[in-house]
């Protein structure tokens, strides 16, 4: 039997040199994850650049010796209906 899922909306601010970007995404996660903020911080903001192991400094994940950094701005649970609409447009 498949594990039940819940839906979250996530925003991450990326600083890359002098440029700033805001990434927005929706994710499905198992209902067994109770702290969605910690999950999103570690798995989304802390995993945006894949292979490079980031370091966390005061809530910011730094890559390439600080050249790029990502910080979780928002993580909130949303409904399945909200997820379906946002998934189409993000």
PDB file of N, CA and C in Angstrom:
ATOM      1  N   UNK A   1       0.838  -1.176   0.000  1.00  0.00           N
ATOM      2  CA  UNK A   1       0.000   0.000   0.000  1.00  0.00           C
ATOM      3  C   UNK A   1       0.890   1.249   0.000  1.00  0.00           C
ATOM      4  N   UNK A   2       0.575   2.194  -0.853  1.00  0.00           N
ATOM      5  CA  UNK A   2       1.371   3.416  -0.969  1.00  0.00           C
ATOM      6  C   UNK A   2       1.176   4.308   0.255  1.00  0.00           C
ATOM      7  N   UNK A   3       2.265   4.941   0.656  1.00  0.00           N
ATOM      8  CA  UNK A   3       2.208   5.843   1.801  1.00  0.00           C
ATOM      9  C   UNK A   3       1.406   7.093   1.434  1.00  0.00           C
ATOM     10  N   UNK A   4       0.617   7.580   2.383  1.00  0.00           N
ATOM     11  CA  UNK A   4      -0.149   8.808   2.156  1.00  0.00           C
ATOM     12  C   UNK A   4       0.810   9.987   2.054  1.00  0.00           C
ATOM     13  N   UNK A   5       0.401  10.953   1.252  1.00  0.00           N
ATOM     14  CA  UNK A   5       1.241  12.116   1.015  1.00  0.00           C
ATOM     15  C   UNK A   5       0.529  13.383   1.473  1.00  0.00           C
ATOM     16  N   UNK A   6       1.331  14.413   1.781  1.00  0.00           N
ATOM     17  CA  UNK A   6       0.798  15.750   1.981  1.00  0.00           C
ATOM     18  C   UNK A   6       1.541  16.667   1.026  1.00  0.00           C
ATOM     19  N   UNK A   7       1.041  17.865   0.885  1.00  0.00           N
ATOM     20  CA  UNK A   7       1.531  18.765  -0.149  1.00  0.00           C
ATOM     21  C   UNK A   7       2.051  20.042   0.491  1.00  0.00           C
ATOM     22  N   UNK A   8       3.192  20.533  -0.009  1.00  0.00           N
ATOM     23  CA  UNK A   8       3.762  21.749   0.546  1.00  0.00           C
ATOM     24  C   UNK A   8       4.174  22.709  -0.570  1.00  0.00           C
ATOM     25  N   UNK A   9       4.158  23.991  -0.220  1.00  0.00           N
ATOM     26  CA  UNK A   9       4.636  25.062  -1.078  1.00  0.00           C
ATOM     27  C   UNK A   9       5.929  25.580  -0.449  1.00  0.00           C
ATOM     28  N   UNK A  10       6.952  25.769  -1.285  1.00  0.00           N
ATOM     29  CA  UNK A  10       8.280  26.149  -0.788  1.00  0.00           C
ATOM     30  C   UNK A  10       8.813  27.335  -1.598  1.00  0.00           C
ATOM     31  N   UNK A  11       9.432  28.288  -0.895  1.00  0.00           N
ATOM     32  CA  UNK A  11      10.143  29.396  -1.544  1.00  0.00           C
ATOM     33  C   UNK A  11      11.562  29.450  -1.000  1.00  0.00           C
ATOM     34  N   UNK A  12      12.527  29.595  -1.908  1.00  0.00           N
ATOM     35  CA  UNK A  12      13.939  29.691  -1.540  1.00  0.00           C
ATOM     36  C   UNK A  12      14.548  30.893  -2.248  1.00  0.00           C
ATOM     37  N   UNK A  13      15.306  31.675  -1.503  1.00  0.00           N
ATOM     38  CA  UNK A  13      16.035  32.805  -2.085  1.00  0.00           C
ATOM     39  C   UNK A  13      17.464  32.360  -2.366  1.00  0.00           C
ATOM     40  N   UNK A  14      17.895  32.561  -3.595  1.00  0.00           N
ATOM     41  CA  UNK A  14      19.255  32.208  -4.006  1.00  0.00           C
ATOM     42  C   UNK A  14      20.029  33.493  -4.280  1.00  0.00           C
ATOM     43  N   UNK A  15      21.245  33.556  -3.779  1.00  0.00           N
ATOM     44  CA  UNK A  15      22.167  34.645  -4.103  1.00  0.00           C
ATOM     45  C   UNK A  15      23.354  34.020  -4.811  1.00  0.00           C
ATOM     46  N   UNK A  16      23.599  34.512  -6.012  1.00  0.00           N
ATOM     47  CA  UNK A  16      24.668  33.979  -6.848  1.00  0.00           C
ATOM     48  C   UNK A  16      25.495  35.169  -7.312  1.00  0.00           C
ATOM     49  N   UNK A  17      26.607  35.411  -6.613  1.00  0.00           N
ATOM     50  CA  UNK A  17      27.385  36.615  -6.885  1.00  0.00           C
ATOM     51  C   UNK A  17      26.559  37.827  -6.495  1.00  0.00           C
ATOM     52  N   UNK A  18      26.332  38.728  -7.446  1.00  0.00           N
ATOM     53  CA  UNK A  18      25.535  39.922  -7.174  1.00  0.00           C
ATOM     54  C   UNK A  18      24.068  39.739  -7.550  1.00  0.00           C
ATOM     55  N   UNK A  19      23.695  38.581  -8.048  1.00  0.00           N
ATOM     56  CA  UNK A  19      22.326  38.348  -8.496  1.00  0.00           C
ATOM     57  C   UNK A  19      21.523  37.599  -7.449  1.00  0.00           C
ATOM     58  N   UNK A  20      20.228  37.917  -7.400  1.00  0.00           N
ATOM     59  CA  UNK A  20      19.319  37.239  -6.476  1.00  0.00           C
ATOM     60  C   UNK A  20      18.154  36.651  -7.259  1.00  0.00           C
ATOM     61  N   UNK A  21      17.739  35.467  -6.845  1.00  0.00           N
ATOM     62  CA  UNK A  21      16.629  34.772  -7.488  1.00  0.00           C
ATOM     63  C   UNK A  21      15.691  34.246  -6.407  1.00  0.00           C
ATOM     64  N   UNK A  22      14.428  34.095  -6.740  1.00  0.00           N
ATOM     65  CA  UNK A  22      13.455  33.489  -5.827  1.00  0.00           C
ATOM     66  C   UNK A  22      12.905  32.258  -6.540  1.00  0.00           C
ATOM     67  N   UNK A  23      13.121  31.092  -5.946  1.00  0.00           N
ATOM     68  CA  UNK A  23      12.624  29.832  -6.492  1.00  0.00           C
ATOM     69  C   UNK A  23      11.353  29.448  -5.738  1.00  0.00           C
ATOM     70  N   UNK A  24      10.336  29.041  -6.470  1.00  0.00           N
ATOM     71  CA  UNK A  24       9.078  28.597  -5.885  1.00  0.00           C
ATOM     72  C   UNK A  24       8.767  27.209  -6.414  1.00  0.00           C
ATOM     73  N   UNK A  25       8.292  26.342  -5.527  1.00  0.00           N
ATOM     74  CA  UNK A  25       7.987  24.972  -5.942  1.00  0.00           C
ATOM     75  C   UNK A  25       6.911  24.374  -5.043  1.00  0.00           C
ATOM     76  N   UNK A  26       6.270  23.350  -5.551  1.00  0.00           N
ATOM     77  CA  UNK A  26       5.365  22.538  -4.737  1.00  0.00           C
ATOM     78  C   UNK A  26       5.944  21.132  -4.701  1.00  0.00           C
ATOM     79  N   UNK A  27       5.796  20.488  -3.572  1.00  0.00           N
ATOM     80  CA  UNK A  27       6.362  19.156  -3.368  1.00  0.00           C
ATOM     81  C   UNK A  27       5.342  18.258  -2.688  1.00  0.00           C
ATOM     82  N   UNK A  28       5.440  16.978  -2.974  1.00  0.00           N
ATOM     83  CA  UNK A  28       4.684  15.964  -2.245  1.00  0.00           C
ATOM     84  C   UNK A  28       5.649  15.295  -1.277  1.00  0.00           C
ATOM     85  N   UNK A  29       5.244  15.208  -0.021  1.00  0.00           N
ATOM     86  CA  UNK A  29       6.083  14.546   0.978  1.00  0.00           C
ATOM     87  C   UNK A  29       5.223  13.589   1.794  1.00  0.00           C
ATOM     88  N   UNK A  30       5.825  12.574   2.378  1.00  0.00           N
ATOM     89  CA  UNK A  30       5.058  11.632   3.191  1.00  0.00           C
ATOM     90  C   UNK A  30       4.430  12.320   4.408  1.00  0.00           C
ATOM     91  N   UNK A  31       3.231  11.877   4.794  1.00  0.00           N
ATOM     92  CA  UNK A  31       2.567  12.464   5.959  1.00  0.00           C
ATOM     93  C   UNK A  31       3.357  12.205   7.234  1.00  0.00           C
ATOM     94  N   UNK A  32       4.258  11.263   7.215  1.00  0.00           N
ATOM     95  CA  UNK A  32       5.068  10.957   8.397  1.00  0.00           C
ATOM     96  C   UNK A  32       6.064  12.083   8.723  1.00  0.00           C
ATOM     97  N   UNK A  33       6.335  12.967   7.785  1.00  0.00           N
ATOM     98  CA  UNK A  33       7.219  14.108   8.035  1.00  0.00           C
ATOM     99  C   UNK A  33       6.402  15.163   8.766  1.00  0.00           C
ATOM    100  N   UNK A  34       6.767  15.422  10.011  1.00  0.00           N
ATOM    101  CA  UNK A  34       5.980  16.351  10.823  1.00  0.00           C
ATOM    102  C   UNK A  34       6.515  17.777  10.775  1.00  0.00           C
ATOM    103  N   UNK A  35       7.805  17.958  10.602  1.00  0.00           N
ATOM    104  CA  UNK A  35       8.394  19.294  10.559  1.00  0.00           C
ATOM    105  C   UNK A  35       8.715  19.644   9.106  1.00  0.00           C
ATOM    106  N   UNK A  36       7.734  20.234   8.412  1.00  0.00           N
ATOM    107  CA  UNK A  36       7.933  20.510   6.991  1.00  0.00           C
ATOM    108  C   UNK A  36       8.973  21.599   6.759  1.00  0.00           C
ATOM    109  N   UNK A  37       9.120  22.510   7.702  1.00  0.00           N
ATOM    110  CA  UNK A  37      10.120  23.568   7.550  1.00  0.00           C
ATOM    111  C   UNK A  37      11.527  22.979   7.572  1.00  0.00           C
ATOM    112  N   UNK A  38      11.794  22.117   8.531  1.00  0.00           N
ATOM    113  CA  UNK A  38      13.116  21.477   8.608  1.00  0.00           C
ATOM    114  C   UNK A  38      13.366  20.605   7.378  1.00  0.00           C
ATOM    115  N   UNK A  39      12.339  19.886   6.937  1.00  0.00           N
ATOM    116  CA  UNK A  39      12.482  19.032   5.755  1.00  0.00           C
ATOM    117  C   UNK A  39      12.810  19.889   4.527  1.00  0.00           C
ATOM    118  N   UNK A  40      12.039  20.975   4.318  1.00  0.00           N
ATOM    119  CA  UNK A  40      12.246  21.828   3.150  1.00  0.00           C
ATOM    120  C   UNK A  40      13.613  22.505   3.194  1.00  0.00           C
ATOM    121  N   UNK A  41      14.037  22.919   4.383  1.00  0.00           N
ATOM    122  CA  UNK A  41      15.336  23.569   4.519  1.00  0.00           C
ATOM    123  C   UNK A  41      16.453  22.614   4.128  1.00  0.00           C
ATOM    124  N   UNK A  42      16.426  21.427   4.680  1.00  0.00           N
ATOM    125  CA  UNK A  42      17.508  20.472   4.423  1.00  0.00           C
ATOM    126  C   UNK A  42      17.441  19.860   3.027  1.00  0.00           C
ATOM    127  N   UNK A  43      16.247  19.489   2.578  1.00  0.00           N
ATOM    128  CA  UNK A  43      16.116  18.751   1.327  1.00  0.00           C
ATOM    129  C   UNK A  43      15.904  19.609   0.095  1.00  0.00           C
ATOM    130  N   UNK A  44      15.413  20.802   0.255  1.00  0.00           N
ATOM    131  CA  UNK A  44      15.196  21.662  -0.909  1.00  0.00           C
ATOM    132  C   UNK A  44      16.239  22.785  -0.948  1.00  0.00           C
ATOM    133  N   UNK A  45      16.252  23.655   0.053  1.00  0.00           N
ATOM    134  CA  UNK A  45      17.233  24.742   0.071  1.00  0.00           C
ATOM    135  C   UNK A  45      18.654  24.188   0.166  1.00  0.00           C
ATOM    136  N   UNK A  46      18.832  23.134   0.953  1.00  0.00           N
ATOM    137  CA  UNK A  46      20.154  22.551   1.127  1.00  0.00           C
ATOM    138  C   UNK A  46      20.540  21.567   0.042  1.00  0.00           C
ATOM    139  N   UNK A  47      19.656  21.342  -0.904  1.00  0.00           N
ATOM    140  CA  UNK A  47      19.960  20.390  -1.966  1.00  0.00           C
ATOM    141  C   UNK A  47      19.789  20.948  -3.361  1.00  0.00           C
ATOM    142  N   UNK A  48      19.754  22.265  -3.494  1.00  0.00           N
ATOM    143  CA  UNK A  48      19.483  22.874  -4.803  1.00  0.00           C
ATOM    144  C   UNK A  48      20.589  22.646  -5.827  1.00  0.00           C
ATOM    145  N   UNK A  49      21.816  22.470  -5.358  1.00  0.00           N
ATOM    146  CA  UNK A  49      22.915  22.328  -6.297  1.00  0.00           C
ATOM    147  C   UNK A  49      23.503  20.928  -6.301  1.00  0.00           C
ATOM    148  N   UNK A  50      22.729  19.966  -5.858  1.00  0.00           N
ATOM    149  CA  UNK A  50      23.087  18.565  -5.995  1.00  0.00           C
ATOM    150  C   UNK A  50      24.408  18.152  -5.390  1.00  0.00           C
ATOM    151  N   UNK A  51      25.359  17.768  -6.230  1.00  0.00           N
ATOM    152  CA  UNK A  51      26.578  17.121  -5.811  1.00  0.00           C
ATOM    153  C   UNK A  51      27.467  17.881  -4.845  1.00  0.00           C
ATOM    154  N   UNK A  52      27.474  19.211  -4.927  1.00  0.00           N
ATOM    155  CA  UNK A  52      28.315  20.001  -4.039  1.00  0.00           C
ATOM    156  C   UNK A  52      27.712  19.984  -2.641  1.00  0.00           C
ATOM    157  N   UNK A  53      28.451  19.474  -1.661  1.00  0.00           N
ATOM    158  CA  UNK A  53      27.942  19.404  -0.284  1.00  0.00           C
ATOM    159  C   UNK A  53      27.954  20.802   0.329  1.00  0.00           C
ATOM    160  N   UNK A  54      26.782  21.389   0.555  1.00  0.00           N
ATOM    161  CA  UNK A  54      26.742  22.747   1.106  1.00  0.00           C
ATOM    162  C   UNK A  54      27.012  22.774   2.597  1.00  0.00           C
ATOM    163  N   UNK A  55      27.353  23.954   3.083  1.00  0.00           N
ATOM    164  CA  UNK A  55      27.513  24.165   4.515  1.00  0.00           C
ATOM    165  C   UNK A  55      26.442  25.145   4.952  1.00  0.00           C
ATOM    166  N   UNK A  56      25.873  24.922   6.140  1.00  0.00           N
ATOM    167  CA  UNK A  56      24.822  25.788   6.640  1.00  0.00           C
ATOM    168  C   UNK A  56      25.417  26.794   7.616  1.00  0.00           C
ATOM    169  N   UNK A  57      25.276  28.077   7.275  1.00  0.00           N
ATOM    170  CA  UNK A  57      25.743  29.166   8.121  1.00  0.00           C
ATOM    171  C   UNK A  57      24.548  30.039   8.470  1.00  0.00           C
ATOM    172  N   UNK A  58      24.115  29.975   9.725  1.00  0.00           N
ATOM    173  CA  UNK A  58      23.013  30.813  10.207  1.00  0.00           C
ATOM    174  C   UNK A  58      21.793  30.762   9.302  1.00  0.00           C
ATOM    175  N   UNK A  59      21.405  29.562   8.874  1.00  0.00           N
ATOM    176  CA  UNK A  59      20.203  29.389   8.069  1.00  0.00           C
ATOM    177  C   UNK A  59      20.392  29.550   6.573  1.00  0.00           C
ATOM    178  N   UNK A  60      21.601  29.836   6.133  1.00  0.00           N
ATOM    179  CA  UNK A  60      21.887  29.939   4.699  1.00  0.00           C
ATOM    180  C   UNK A  60      22.789  28.780   4.295  1.00  0.00           C
ATOM    181  N   UNK A  61      22.422  28.139   3.213  1.00  0.00           N
ATOM    182  CA  UNK A  61      23.234  27.055   2.666  1.00  0.00           C
ATOM    183  C   UNK A  61      24.208  27.657   1.670  1.00  0.00           C
ATOM    184  N   UNK A  62      25.505  27.449   1.883  1.00  0.00           N
ATOM    185  CA  UNK A  62      26.517  28.030   1.007  1.00  0.00           C
ATOM    186  C   UNK A  62      27.189  26.950   0.173  1.00  0.00           C
ATOM    187  N   UNK A  63      27.354  27.273  -1.105  1.00  0.00           N
ATOM    188  CA  UNK A  63      27.985  26.386  -2.077  1.00  0.00           C
ATOM    189  C   UNK A  63      29.213  27.080  -2.648  1.00  0.00           C
ATOM    190  N   UNK A  64      30.129  26.298  -3.165  1.00  0.00           N
ATOM    191  CA  UNK A  64      31.323  26.832  -3.836  1.00  0.00           C
ATOM    192  C   UNK A  64      32.034  27.891  -3.006  1.00  0.00           C
ATOM    193  N   UNK A  65      32.253  27.588  -1.730  1.00  0.00           N
ATOM    194  CA  UNK A  65      32.974  28.504  -0.851  1.00  0.00           C
ATOM    195  C   UNK A  65      32.259  29.817  -0.597  1.00  0.00           C
ATOM    196  N   UNK A  66      30.930  29.800  -0.665  1.00  0.00           N
ATOM    197  CA  UNK A  66      30.148  31.001  -0.395  1.00  0.00           C
ATOM    198  C   UNK A  66      29.782  31.791  -1.635  1.00  0.00           C
ATOM    199  N   UNK A  67      30.218  31.341  -2.800  1.00  0.00           N
ATOM    200  CA  UNK A  67      29.879  32.027  -4.056  1.00  0.00           C
ATOM    201  C   UNK A  67      28.370  32.045  -4.298  1.00  0.00           C
ATOM    202  N   UNK A  68      27.723  30.949  -3.933  1.00  0.00           N
ATOM    203  CA  UNK A  68      26.274  30.811  -4.084  1.00  0.00           C
ATOM    204  C   UNK A  68      25.697  30.464  -2.723  1.00  0.00           C
ATOM    205  N   UNK A  69      24.574  31.078  -2.371  1.00  0.00           N
ATOM    206  CA  UNK A  69      23.911  30.712  -1.120  1.00  0.00           C
ATOM    207  C   UNK A  69      22.406  30.630  -1.346  1.00  0.00           C
ATOM    208  N   UNK A  70      21.755  29.765  -0.579  1.00  0.00           N
ATOM    209  CA  UNK A  70      20.311  29.566  -0.663  1.00  0.00           C
ATOM    210  C   UNK A  70      19.737  29.595   0.748  1.00  0.00           C
ATOM    211  N   UNK A  71      18.591  30.255   0.876  1.00  0.00           N
ATOM    212  CA  UNK A  71      17.940  30.351   2.175  1.00  0.00           C
ATOM    213  C   UNK A  71      16.450  30.074   2.016  1.00  0.00           C
ATOM    214  N   UNK A  72      15.938  29.213   2.874  1.00  0.00           N
ATOM    215  CA  UNK A  72      14.511  28.918   2.870  1.00  0.00           C
ATOM    216  C   UNK A  72      13.743  30.140   3.355  1.00  0.00           C
ATOM    217  N   UNK A  73      12.776  30.596   2.563  1.00  0.00           N
ATOM    218  CA  UNK A  73      11.951  31.752   2.935  1.00  0.00           C
ATOM    219  C   UNK A  73      10.584  31.322   3.434  1.00  0.00           C
ATOM    220  N   UNK A  74      10.054  30.253   2.852  1.00  0.00           N
ATOM    221  CA  UNK A  74       8.706  29.834   3.216  1.00  0.00           C
ATOM    222  C   UNK A  74       8.544  28.343   2.949  1.00  0.00           C
ATOM    223  N   UNK A  75       7.840  27.681   3.846  1.00  0.00           N
ATOM    224  CA  UNK A  75       7.430  26.288   3.650  1.00  0.00           C
ATOM    225  C   UNK A  75       6.095  26.139   4.363  1.00  0.00           C
ATOM    226  N   UNK A  76       5.060  25.849   3.598  1.00  0.00           N
ATOM    227  CA  UNK A  76       3.746  25.713   4.218  1.00  0.00           C
ATOM    228  C   UNK A  76       2.967  24.588   3.562  1.00  0.00           C
ATOM    229  N   UNK A  77       2.147  23.945   4.360  1.00  0.00           N
ATOM    230  CA  UNK A  77       1.313  22.867   3.848  1.00  0.00           C
ATOM    231  C   UNK A  77       0.150  23.472   3.072  1.00  0.00           C
ATOM    232  N   UNK A  78      -0.173  22.849   1.942  1.00  0.00           N
ATOM    233  CA  UNK A  78      -1.280  23.300   1.104  1.00  0.00           C
ATOM    234  C   UNK A  78      -2.201  22.110   0.822  1.00  0.00           C
ATOM    235  N   UNK A  79      -3.351  22.393   0.258  1.00  0.00           N
ATOM    236  CA  UNK A  79      -4.302  21.325  -0.070  1.00  0.00           C
ATOM    237  C   UNK A  79      -3.919  20.661  -1.391  1.00  0.00           C
ATOM    238  N   UNK A  80      -4.502  19.528  -1.660  1.00  0.00           N
ATOM    239  CA  UNK A  80      -4.286  18.817  -2.921  1.00  0.00           C
ATOM    240  C   UNK A  80      -4.744  19.684  -4.092  1.00  0.00           C
ATOM    241  N   UNK A  81      -5.852  20.390  -3.932  1.00  0.00           N
ATOM    242  CA  UNK A  81      -6.367  21.262  -4.990  1.00  0.00           C
ATOM    243  C   UNK A  81      -5.405  22.409  -5.276  1.00  0.00           C
ATOM    244  N   UNK A  82      -4.874  23.023  -4.231  1.00  0.00           N
ATOM    245  CA  UNK A  82      -3.883  24.090  -4.416  1.00  0.00           C
ATOM    246  C   UNK A  82      -2.636  23.545  -5.101  1.00  0.00           C
ATOM    247  N   UNK A  83      -2.211  22.367  -4.672  1.00  0.00           N
ATOM    248  CA  UNK A  83      -1.040  21.724  -5.277  1.00  0.00           C
ATOM    249  C   UNK A  83      -1.261  21.519  -6.776  1.00  0.00           C
ATOM    250  N   UNK A  84      -2.416  20.998  -7.149  1.00  0.00           N
ATOM    251  CA  UNK A  84      -2.696  20.718  -8.555  1.00  0.00           C
ATOM    252  C   UNK A  84      -2.620  21.980  -9.410  1.00  0.00           C
ATOM    253  N   UNK A  85      -3.165  23.087  -8.915  1.00  0.00           N
ATOM    254  CA  UNK A  85      -3.130  24.343  -9.680  1.00  0.00           C
ATOM    255  C   UNK A  85      -1.706  24.884  -9.737  1.00  0.00           C
ATOM    256  N   UNK A  86      -1.035  24.979  -8.591  1.00  0.00           N
ATOM    257  CA  UNK A  86       0.319  25.523  -8.569  1.00  0.00           C
ATOM    258  C   UNK A  86       1.297  24.675  -9.377  1.00  0.00           C
ATOM    259  N   UNK A  87       1.130  23.365  -9.356  1.00  0.00           N
ATOM    260  CA  UNK A  87       2.013  22.467 -10.099  1.00  0.00           C
ATOM    261  C   UNK A  87       1.987  22.794 -11.589  1.00  0.00           C
ATOM    262  N   UNK A  88       0.835  23.209 -12.080  1.00  0.00           N
ATOM    263  CA  UNK A  88       0.705  23.530 -13.512  1.00  0.00           C
ATOM    264  C   UNK A  88       1.400  24.828 -13.898  1.00  0.00           C
ATOM    265  N   UNK A  89       1.543  25.760 -12.935  1.00  0.00           N
ATOM    266  CA  UNK A  89       2.027  27.086 -13.292  1.00  0.00           C
ATOM    267  C   UNK A  89       3.389  27.455 -12.725  1.00  0.00           C
ATOM    268  N   UNK A  90       3.947  26.650 -11.841  1.00  0.00           N
ATOM    269  CA  UNK A  90       5.277  26.968 -11.288  1.00  0.00           C
ATOM    270  C   UNK A  90       6.363  26.266 -12.060  1.00  0.00           C
TER     271      UNK A  90
END
